[in-house]
């Protein structure tokens, strides 16, 4: 059984989502089902079908989160090495085509949030940069083509 690598922050976020789904969301979905049932004939009740589907999706997400949390291995990033790009490092990059600078924290897939500068180590950029050192130029294949990125700085999150 493979581990799910997470930071402490990511682990806590998944635990909180699971708690919310099991308490708040389950109650909401149960109420939706109850209201839909009260509308009569269930064979021609689109509202009931929608509520049943919402319940199935909710329970599926709950099972997924429980399974991930069971397999979770929390990695302390405060001691992450900074000689190369690793999980738990923050990297400042320079786009070789545009000259733009970007900063990404490399995290697990479940923690990725590009709007917050958190990029998955399993993303195309993450995979390409993993293991490279400061000063290296790495060619990254993205949907728009190949972009050269220079690694300007590597630090801990």
N, C-alpha and C. Protein backbone atom coordinates (compact mmCIF):
# COMPACT_ATOMS: atom_id res chain seq x y z
N UNK A 1 0.85 -1.18 0.00
CA UNK A 1 0.00 0.00 0.00
C UNK A 1 0.89 1.25 0.00
N UNK A 2 0.74 2.08 -0.99
CA UNK A 2 1.54 3.29 -1.10
C UNK A 2 1.07 4.34 -0.10
N UNK A 3 2.04 5.12 0.36
CA UNK A 3 1.72 6.23 1.25
C UNK A 3 1.21 7.42 0.44
N UNK A 4 0.43 8.25 1.09
CA UNK A 4 0.03 9.54 0.53
C UNK A 4 0.86 10.55 1.30
N UNK A 5 1.79 11.20 0.61
CA UNK A 5 2.70 12.14 1.24
C UNK A 5 1.99 13.49 1.38
N UNK A 6 1.99 14.03 2.59
CA UNK A 6 1.35 15.32 2.86
C UNK A 6 2.19 16.12 3.84
N UNK A 7 2.04 17.43 3.78
CA UNK A 7 2.58 18.27 4.84
C UNK A 7 1.58 18.22 5.99
N UNK A 8 1.98 18.70 7.15
CA UNK A 8 1.06 18.74 8.29
C UNK A 8 -0.16 19.59 7.95
N UNK A 9 0.07 20.72 7.27
CA UNK A 9 -1.02 21.61 6.87
C UNK A 9 -2.00 20.89 5.93
N UNK A 10 -1.47 20.15 4.98
CA UNK A 10 -2.32 19.41 4.05
C UNK A 10 -3.11 18.32 4.74
N UNK A 11 -2.47 17.63 5.70
CA UNK A 11 -3.14 16.59 6.45
C UNK A 11 -4.31 17.17 7.24
N UNK A 12 -4.06 18.29 7.91
CA UNK A 12 -5.11 18.94 8.71
C UNK A 12 -6.25 19.42 7.82
N UNK A 13 -5.92 19.90 6.65
CA UNK A 13 -6.95 20.38 5.70
C UNK A 13 -7.86 19.23 5.28
N UNK A 14 -7.28 18.08 4.97
CA UNK A 14 -8.08 16.91 4.58
C UNK A 14 -8.93 16.42 5.75
N UNK A 15 -8.37 16.42 6.97
CA UNK A 15 -9.13 16.01 8.15
C UNK A 15 -10.33 16.93 8.36
N UNK A 16 -10.13 18.22 8.17
CA UNK A 16 -11.22 19.19 8.36
C UNK A 16 -12.29 19.01 7.28
N UNK A 17 -11.86 18.77 6.04
CA UNK A 17 -12.84 18.52 4.98
C UNK A 17 -13.66 17.28 5.30
N UNK A 18 -13.01 16.23 5.77
CA UNK A 18 -13.71 15.00 6.12
C UNK A 18 -14.72 15.25 7.25
N UNK A 19 -14.31 15.99 8.25
CA UNK A 19 -15.20 16.30 9.37
C UNK A 19 -16.42 17.06 8.88
N UNK A 20 -16.21 18.05 8.02
CA UNK A 20 -17.32 18.84 7.47
C UNK A 20 -18.26 17.98 6.64
N UNK A 21 -17.69 17.11 5.82
CA UNK A 21 -18.53 16.24 4.99
C UNK A 21 -19.37 15.30 5.84
N UNK A 22 -18.78 14.76 6.89
CA UNK A 22 -19.49 13.79 7.73
C UNK A 22 -20.56 14.44 8.61
N UNK A 23 -20.37 15.69 8.93
CA UNK A 23 -21.33 16.35 9.82
C UNK A 23 -22.27 17.25 9.03
N UNK A 24 -21.79 18.36 8.56
CA UNK A 24 -22.62 19.37 7.89
C UNK A 24 -23.22 18.86 6.59
N UNK A 25 -22.39 18.34 5.70
CA UNK A 25 -22.87 17.95 4.36
C UNK A 25 -23.80 16.76 4.40
N UNK A 26 -23.52 15.78 5.26
CA UNK A 26 -24.41 14.62 5.36
C UNK A 26 -25.81 15.05 5.79
N UNK A 27 -25.88 15.98 6.73
CA UNK A 27 -27.18 16.48 7.20
C UNK A 27 -27.90 17.20 6.06
N UNK A 28 -27.18 18.04 5.31
CA UNK A 28 -27.78 18.77 4.19
C UNK A 28 -28.35 17.80 3.14
N UNK A 29 -27.56 16.79 2.79
CA UNK A 29 -27.99 15.84 1.77
C UNK A 29 -29.19 15.02 2.27
N UNK A 30 -29.18 14.65 3.54
CA UNK A 30 -30.30 13.90 4.10
C UNK A 30 -31.59 14.73 4.03
N UNK A 31 -31.48 16.02 4.31
CA UNK A 31 -32.65 16.91 4.23
C UNK A 31 -33.15 17.02 2.79
N UNK A 32 -32.23 17.11 1.83
CA UNK A 32 -32.61 17.17 0.42
C UNK A 32 -33.36 15.91 0.01
N UNK A 33 -32.88 14.76 0.46
CA UNK A 33 -33.56 13.50 0.15
C UNK A 33 -34.95 13.45 0.78
N UNK A 34 -35.04 13.91 2.00
CA UNK A 34 -36.33 13.92 2.71
C UNK A 34 -37.34 14.80 1.99
N UNK A 35 -36.92 15.99 1.58
CA UNK A 35 -37.81 16.91 0.86
C UNK A 35 -38.23 16.30 -0.47
N UNK A 36 -37.28 15.72 -1.18
CA UNK A 36 -37.58 15.13 -2.49
C UNK A 36 -38.55 13.95 -2.35
N UNK A 37 -38.37 13.13 -1.31
CA UNK A 37 -39.28 12.00 -1.07
C UNK A 37 -40.70 12.49 -0.81
N UNK A 38 -40.82 13.62 -0.16
CA UNK A 38 -42.15 14.14 0.19
C UNK A 38 -42.94 14.60 -1.03
N UNK A 39 -42.28 14.71 -2.17
CA UNK A 39 -42.96 15.15 -3.38
C UNK A 39 -43.68 14.04 -4.13
N UNK A 40 -43.71 12.85 -3.54
CA UNK A 40 -44.52 11.79 -4.14
C UNK A 40 -43.74 10.78 -4.95
N UNK A 41 -44.30 10.37 -6.06
CA UNK A 41 -43.80 9.28 -6.91
C UNK A 41 -42.31 9.43 -7.19
N UNK A 42 -41.52 8.48 -6.67
CA UNK A 42 -40.06 8.57 -6.79
C UNK A 42 -39.57 8.17 -8.18
N UNK A 43 -40.40 7.45 -8.94
CA UNK A 43 -39.98 7.02 -10.28
C UNK A 43 -39.86 8.19 -11.25
N UNK A 44 -40.61 9.22 -11.06
CA UNK A 44 -40.58 10.38 -11.96
C UNK A 44 -40.18 11.65 -11.21
N UNK A 45 -39.33 11.49 -10.23
CA UNK A 45 -38.96 12.60 -9.38
C UNK A 45 -37.48 12.95 -9.61
N UNK A 46 -37.25 13.92 -10.47
CA UNK A 46 -35.88 14.32 -10.81
C UNK A 46 -35.15 14.87 -9.59
N UNK A 47 -35.85 15.56 -8.73
CA UNK A 47 -35.25 16.12 -7.52
C UNK A 47 -34.71 15.00 -6.62
N UNK A 48 -35.47 13.90 -6.53
CA UNK A 48 -35.04 12.76 -5.73
C UNK A 48 -33.80 12.11 -6.35
N UNK A 49 -33.81 11.95 -7.67
CA UNK A 49 -32.65 11.38 -8.36
C UNK A 49 -31.40 12.24 -8.14
N UNK A 50 -31.58 13.55 -8.21
CA UNK A 50 -30.46 14.47 -7.99
C UNK A 50 -29.93 14.36 -6.57
N UNK A 51 -30.84 14.29 -5.61
CA UNK A 51 -30.44 14.18 -4.21
C UNK A 51 -29.72 12.84 -3.96
N UNK A 52 -30.20 11.75 -4.58
CA UNK A 52 -29.55 10.45 -4.44
C UNK A 52 -28.13 10.49 -5.02
N UNK A 53 -27.99 11.15 -6.17
CA UNK A 53 -26.68 11.28 -6.80
C UNK A 53 -25.74 12.11 -5.91
N UNK A 54 -26.26 13.18 -5.33
CA UNK A 54 -25.44 14.02 -4.42
C UNK A 54 -24.97 13.19 -3.22
N UNK A 55 -25.85 12.35 -2.70
CA UNK A 55 -25.48 11.49 -1.56
C UNK A 55 -24.39 10.50 -1.98
N UNK A 56 -24.53 9.90 -3.15
CA UNK A 56 -23.53 8.95 -3.63
C UNK A 56 -22.17 9.63 -3.80
N UNK A 57 -22.16 10.82 -4.36
CA UNK A 57 -20.91 11.56 -4.55
C UNK A 57 -20.29 11.93 -3.20
N UNK A 58 -21.13 12.35 -2.27
CA UNK A 58 -20.64 12.71 -0.94
C UNK A 58 -20.00 11.51 -0.26
N UNK A 59 -20.68 10.38 -0.29
CA UNK A 59 -20.15 9.17 0.37
C UNK A 59 -18.87 8.69 -0.32
N UNK A 60 -18.79 8.85 -1.62
CA UNK A 60 -17.57 8.48 -2.35
C UNK A 60 -16.40 9.36 -1.91
N UNK A 61 -16.64 10.66 -1.78
CA UNK A 61 -15.58 11.58 -1.34
C UNK A 61 -15.15 11.26 0.09
N UNK A 62 -16.11 10.94 0.94
CA UNK A 62 -15.79 10.58 2.32
C UNK A 62 -14.89 9.34 2.35
N UNK A 63 -15.25 8.32 1.57
CA UNK A 63 -14.42 7.10 1.51
C UNK A 63 -13.02 7.41 1.00
N UNK A 64 -12.93 8.25 -0.03
CA UNK A 64 -11.63 8.63 -0.58
C UNK A 64 -10.77 9.33 0.46
N UNK A 65 -11.36 10.28 1.17
CA UNK A 65 -10.61 11.01 2.19
C UNK A 65 -10.18 10.09 3.34
N UNK A 66 -11.08 9.22 3.78
CA UNK A 66 -10.72 8.28 4.85
C UNK A 66 -9.56 7.40 4.43
N UNK A 67 -9.60 6.94 3.19
CA UNK A 67 -8.53 6.07 2.68
C UNK A 67 -7.21 6.84 2.59
N UNK A 68 -7.26 8.07 2.11
CA UNK A 68 -6.03 8.88 2.01
C UNK A 68 -5.45 9.15 3.38
N UNK A 69 -6.30 9.51 4.32
CA UNK A 69 -5.81 9.82 5.67
C UNK A 69 -5.23 8.58 6.35
N UNK A 70 -5.78 7.41 6.04
CA UNK A 70 -5.26 6.17 6.59
C UNK A 70 -3.85 5.90 6.06
N UNK A 71 -3.62 6.23 4.79
CA UNK A 71 -2.32 5.98 4.15
C UNK A 71 -1.37 7.17 4.25
N UNK A 72 -1.80 8.24 4.90
CA UNK A 72 -1.02 9.48 4.93
C UNK A 72 0.29 9.32 5.69
N UNK A 73 1.31 9.90 5.10
CA UNK A 73 2.60 10.01 5.76
C UNK A 73 2.91 11.51 5.79
N UNK A 74 2.89 12.07 6.98
CA UNK A 74 3.12 13.50 7.13
C UNK A 74 4.62 13.76 7.14
N UNK A 75 5.04 14.65 6.25
CA UNK A 75 6.45 14.97 6.12
C UNK A 75 6.68 16.37 6.69
N UNK A 76 7.64 16.47 7.58
CA UNK A 76 7.99 17.75 8.18
C UNK A 76 8.90 18.50 7.20
N UNK A 77 8.41 19.59 6.65
CA UNK A 77 9.17 20.31 5.62
C UNK A 77 10.14 21.34 6.21
N UNK A 78 10.12 21.54 7.53
CA UNK A 78 11.01 22.56 8.10
C UNK A 78 12.48 22.18 7.99
N UNK A 79 12.74 20.89 7.80
CA UNK A 79 14.12 20.43 7.63
C UNK A 79 14.42 19.98 6.20
N UNK A 80 13.55 20.35 5.27
CA UNK A 80 13.75 19.95 3.87
C UNK A 80 15.08 20.50 3.37
N UNK A 81 15.86 19.66 2.68
CA UNK A 81 17.11 20.16 2.13
C UNK A 81 16.83 21.20 1.04
N UNK A 82 17.75 22.13 0.87
CA UNK A 82 17.55 23.18 -0.12
C UNK A 82 18.63 23.17 -1.20
N UNK A 83 19.35 22.08 -1.30
CA UNK A 83 20.38 21.98 -2.34
C UNK A 83 19.76 21.66 -3.70
N UNK A 84 18.57 21.05 -3.68
CA UNK A 84 17.86 20.70 -4.90
C UNK A 84 16.37 20.93 -4.68
N UNK A 85 15.61 20.89 -5.77
CA UNK A 85 14.16 21.01 -5.68
C UNK A 85 13.60 19.69 -5.17
N UNK A 86 12.93 19.75 -4.03
CA UNK A 86 12.31 18.57 -3.43
C UNK A 86 10.89 18.94 -2.98
N UNK A 87 10.14 17.91 -2.59
CA UNK A 87 8.86 18.12 -1.90
C UNK A 87 9.16 18.95 -0.66
N UNK A 88 8.37 20.00 -0.46
CA UNK A 88 8.55 20.82 0.73
C UNK A 88 9.45 22.03 0.52
N UNK A 89 9.99 22.19 -0.69
CA UNK A 89 10.80 23.39 -0.95
C UNK A 89 9.98 24.43 -1.69
N UNK A 90 10.42 25.65 -1.56
CA UNK A 90 9.85 26.77 -2.32
C UNK A 90 10.91 27.19 -3.31
N UNK A 91 10.49 27.37 -4.55
CA UNK A 91 11.45 27.62 -5.63
C UNK A 91 11.08 28.89 -6.37
N UNK A 92 12.08 29.75 -6.56
CA UNK A 92 11.89 30.94 -7.38
C UNK A 92 12.46 30.63 -8.76
N UNK A 93 11.62 30.83 -9.77
CA UNK A 93 11.99 30.49 -11.15
C UNK A 93 11.91 31.72 -12.04
N UNK A 94 12.70 31.68 -13.10
CA UNK A 94 12.62 32.72 -14.13
C UNK A 94 12.27 32.04 -15.44
N UNK A 95 11.17 32.49 -16.04
CA UNK A 95 10.73 31.97 -17.32
C UNK A 95 11.70 32.47 -18.38
N UNK A 96 12.36 31.54 -19.08
CA UNK A 96 13.37 31.91 -20.08
C UNK A 96 12.79 32.58 -21.31
N UNK A 97 11.52 32.41 -21.56
CA UNK A 97 10.88 33.04 -22.73
C UNK A 97 10.40 34.45 -22.43
N UNK A 98 9.79 34.64 -21.25
CA UNK A 98 9.18 35.94 -20.94
C UNK A 98 9.99 36.77 -19.97
N UNK A 99 10.89 36.12 -19.22
CA UNK A 99 11.65 36.82 -18.20
C UNK A 99 10.89 36.97 -16.89
N UNK A 100 9.63 36.53 -16.87
CA UNK A 100 8.82 36.63 -15.66
C UNK A 100 9.39 35.72 -14.58
N UNK A 101 9.27 36.19 -13.34
CA UNK A 101 9.68 35.38 -12.20
C UNK A 101 8.43 34.87 -11.50
N UNK A 102 8.49 33.62 -11.05
CA UNK A 102 7.39 33.02 -10.29
C UNK A 102 7.99 32.28 -9.11
N UNK A 103 7.17 32.14 -8.07
CA UNK A 103 7.59 31.38 -6.89
C UNK A 103 6.54 30.31 -6.64
N UNK A 104 7.01 29.07 -6.50
CA UNK A 104 6.13 27.94 -6.23
C UNK A 104 6.61 27.17 -5.01
N UNK A 105 5.68 26.78 -4.17
CA UNK A 105 5.96 25.83 -3.09
C UNK A 105 5.56 24.47 -3.64
N UNK A 106 6.45 23.49 -3.56
CA UNK A 106 6.16 22.16 -4.08
C UNK A 106 5.54 21.30 -2.99
N UNK A 107 4.30 20.88 -3.27
CA UNK A 107 3.49 20.16 -2.30
C UNK A 107 2.92 18.89 -2.94
N UNK A 108 2.17 18.13 -2.14
CA UNK A 108 1.50 16.94 -2.64
C UNK A 108 0.31 17.35 -3.50
N UNK A 109 -0.14 16.42 -4.31
CA UNK A 109 -1.25 16.67 -5.22
C UNK A 109 -2.49 17.22 -4.50
N UNK A 110 -2.81 16.66 -3.33
CA UNK A 110 -4.00 17.07 -2.59
C UNK A 110 -3.88 18.48 -2.01
N UNK A 111 -2.68 19.01 -1.96
CA UNK A 111 -2.47 20.33 -1.38
C UNK A 111 -2.30 21.42 -2.43
N UNK A 112 -2.18 21.03 -3.68
CA UNK A 112 -1.91 21.98 -4.75
C UNK A 112 -3.01 23.03 -4.85
N UNK A 113 -2.60 24.27 -5.01
CA UNK A 113 -3.52 25.39 -5.19
C UNK A 113 -2.72 26.49 -5.88
N UNK A 114 -2.81 26.52 -7.20
CA UNK A 114 -1.98 27.43 -7.99
C UNK A 114 -2.22 28.90 -7.61
N UNK A 115 -3.45 29.21 -7.18
CA UNK A 115 -3.75 30.60 -6.79
C UNK A 115 -2.97 31.01 -5.54
N UNK A 116 -2.52 30.03 -4.76
CA UNK A 116 -1.72 30.30 -3.56
C UNK A 116 -0.25 29.97 -3.77
N UNK A 117 0.12 29.69 -5.02
CA UNK A 117 1.51 29.39 -5.32
C UNK A 117 1.94 28.01 -4.89
N UNK A 118 0.98 27.11 -4.67
CA UNK A 118 1.30 25.74 -4.26
C UNK A 118 1.13 24.82 -5.46
N UNK A 119 2.23 24.24 -5.90
CA UNK A 119 2.25 23.43 -7.10
C UNK A 119 2.55 21.98 -6.74
N UNK A 120 1.82 21.07 -7.33
CA UNK A 120 2.01 19.64 -7.07
C UNK A 120 3.35 19.16 -7.62
N UNK A 121 4.01 18.31 -6.84
CA UNK A 121 5.26 17.73 -7.32
C UNK A 121 5.01 16.77 -8.47
N UNK A 122 3.75 16.35 -8.65
CA UNK A 122 3.43 15.45 -9.76
C UNK A 122 2.90 16.19 -10.99
N UNK A 123 2.88 17.53 -10.93
CA UNK A 123 2.49 18.33 -12.10
C UNK A 123 3.63 18.31 -13.11
N UNK A 124 3.37 18.70 -14.36
CA UNK A 124 4.47 18.71 -15.34
C UNK A 124 5.67 19.57 -14.90
N UNK A 125 5.41 20.73 -14.33
CA UNK A 125 6.51 21.58 -13.86
C UNK A 125 7.21 20.92 -12.67
N UNK A 126 6.41 20.38 -11.75
CA UNK A 126 6.98 19.71 -10.58
C UNK A 126 7.87 18.55 -10.96
N UNK A 127 7.38 17.70 -11.85
CA UNK A 127 8.16 16.53 -12.29
C UNK A 127 9.46 16.96 -12.97
N UNK A 128 9.36 18.00 -13.80
CA UNK A 128 10.54 18.44 -14.55
C UNK A 128 11.61 19.04 -13.63
N UNK A 129 11.19 19.77 -12.60
CA UNK A 129 12.14 20.48 -11.74
C UNK A 129 12.70 19.63 -10.59
N UNK A 130 11.98 18.60 -10.21
CA UNK A 130 12.37 17.77 -9.08
C UNK A 130 13.81 17.28 -9.23
N UNK A 131 14.60 17.53 -8.20
CA UNK A 131 15.99 17.06 -8.19
C UNK A 131 16.99 18.00 -8.83
N UNK A 132 16.54 19.11 -9.40
CA UNK A 132 17.46 20.05 -10.03
C UNK A 132 17.95 21.10 -9.03
N UNK A 133 19.10 21.69 -9.34
CA UNK A 133 19.77 22.63 -8.43
C UNK A 133 19.60 24.08 -8.86
N UNK A 134 19.90 24.97 -7.92
CA UNK A 134 19.91 26.41 -8.19
C UNK A 134 20.89 26.68 -9.34
N UNK A 135 20.47 27.57 -10.26
CA UNK A 135 21.32 27.94 -11.38
C UNK A 135 21.07 27.11 -12.64
N UNK A 136 20.45 25.95 -12.47
CA UNK A 136 20.16 25.11 -13.64
C UNK A 136 19.00 25.68 -14.43
N UNK A 137 19.04 25.43 -15.74
CA UNK A 137 17.92 25.77 -16.62
C UNK A 137 17.28 24.46 -17.03
N UNK A 138 15.98 24.38 -16.75
CA UNK A 138 15.25 23.14 -16.99
C UNK A 138 14.17 23.39 -18.04
N UNK A 139 14.15 22.55 -19.06
CA UNK A 139 13.13 22.66 -20.10
C UNK A 139 11.88 21.93 -19.60
N UNK A 140 10.78 22.67 -19.52
CA UNK A 140 9.53 22.11 -19.00
C UNK A 140 8.50 22.04 -20.12
N UNK A 141 7.99 20.85 -20.34
CA UNK A 141 6.94 20.66 -21.36
C UNK A 141 5.60 20.96 -20.72
N UNK A 142 4.94 22.00 -21.24
CA UNK A 142 3.61 22.42 -20.79
C UNK A 142 2.69 22.40 -22.01
N UNK A 143 1.37 22.52 -21.79
CA UNK A 143 0.45 22.50 -22.93
C UNK A 143 0.81 23.49 -24.05
N UNK A 144 1.40 24.62 -23.69
CA UNK A 144 1.74 25.63 -24.69
C UNK A 144 3.07 25.35 -25.39
N UNK A 145 3.73 24.27 -25.02
CA UNK A 145 5.02 23.94 -25.63
C UNK A 145 6.08 23.71 -24.58
N UNK A 146 7.34 23.99 -24.95
CA UNK A 146 8.45 23.80 -24.02
C UNK A 146 8.91 25.17 -23.53
N UNK A 147 9.00 25.29 -22.19
CA UNK A 147 9.42 26.56 -21.59
C UNK A 147 10.66 26.32 -20.75
N UNK A 148 11.73 27.09 -21.01
CA UNK A 148 12.92 26.95 -20.17
C UNK A 148 12.75 27.77 -18.88
N UNK A 149 12.99 27.14 -17.74
CA UNK A 149 12.93 27.83 -16.45
C UNK A 149 14.30 27.78 -15.81
N UNK A 150 14.78 28.92 -15.34
CA UNK A 150 16.02 28.97 -14.58
C UNK A 150 15.66 28.95 -13.10
N UNK A 151 16.33 28.09 -12.35
CA UNK A 151 16.09 28.00 -10.91
C UNK A 151 16.95 29.07 -10.24
N UNK A 152 16.29 30.09 -9.71
CA UNK A 152 16.99 31.21 -9.09
C UNK A 152 17.27 30.99 -7.61
N UNK A 153 16.34 30.36 -6.92
CA UNK A 153 16.48 30.21 -5.47
C UNK A 153 15.64 29.02 -5.00
N UNK A 154 16.19 28.29 -4.03
CA UNK A 154 15.47 27.17 -3.41
C UNK A 154 15.50 27.40 -1.91
N UNK A 155 14.33 27.38 -1.28
CA UNK A 155 14.26 27.57 0.17
C UNK A 155 13.23 26.62 0.76
N UNK A 156 13.13 26.61 2.07
CA UNK A 156 12.12 25.78 2.76
C UNK A 156 10.81 26.54 2.80
N UNK A 157 9.74 25.78 2.88
CA UNK A 157 8.40 26.39 2.97
C UNK A 157 8.20 27.04 4.31
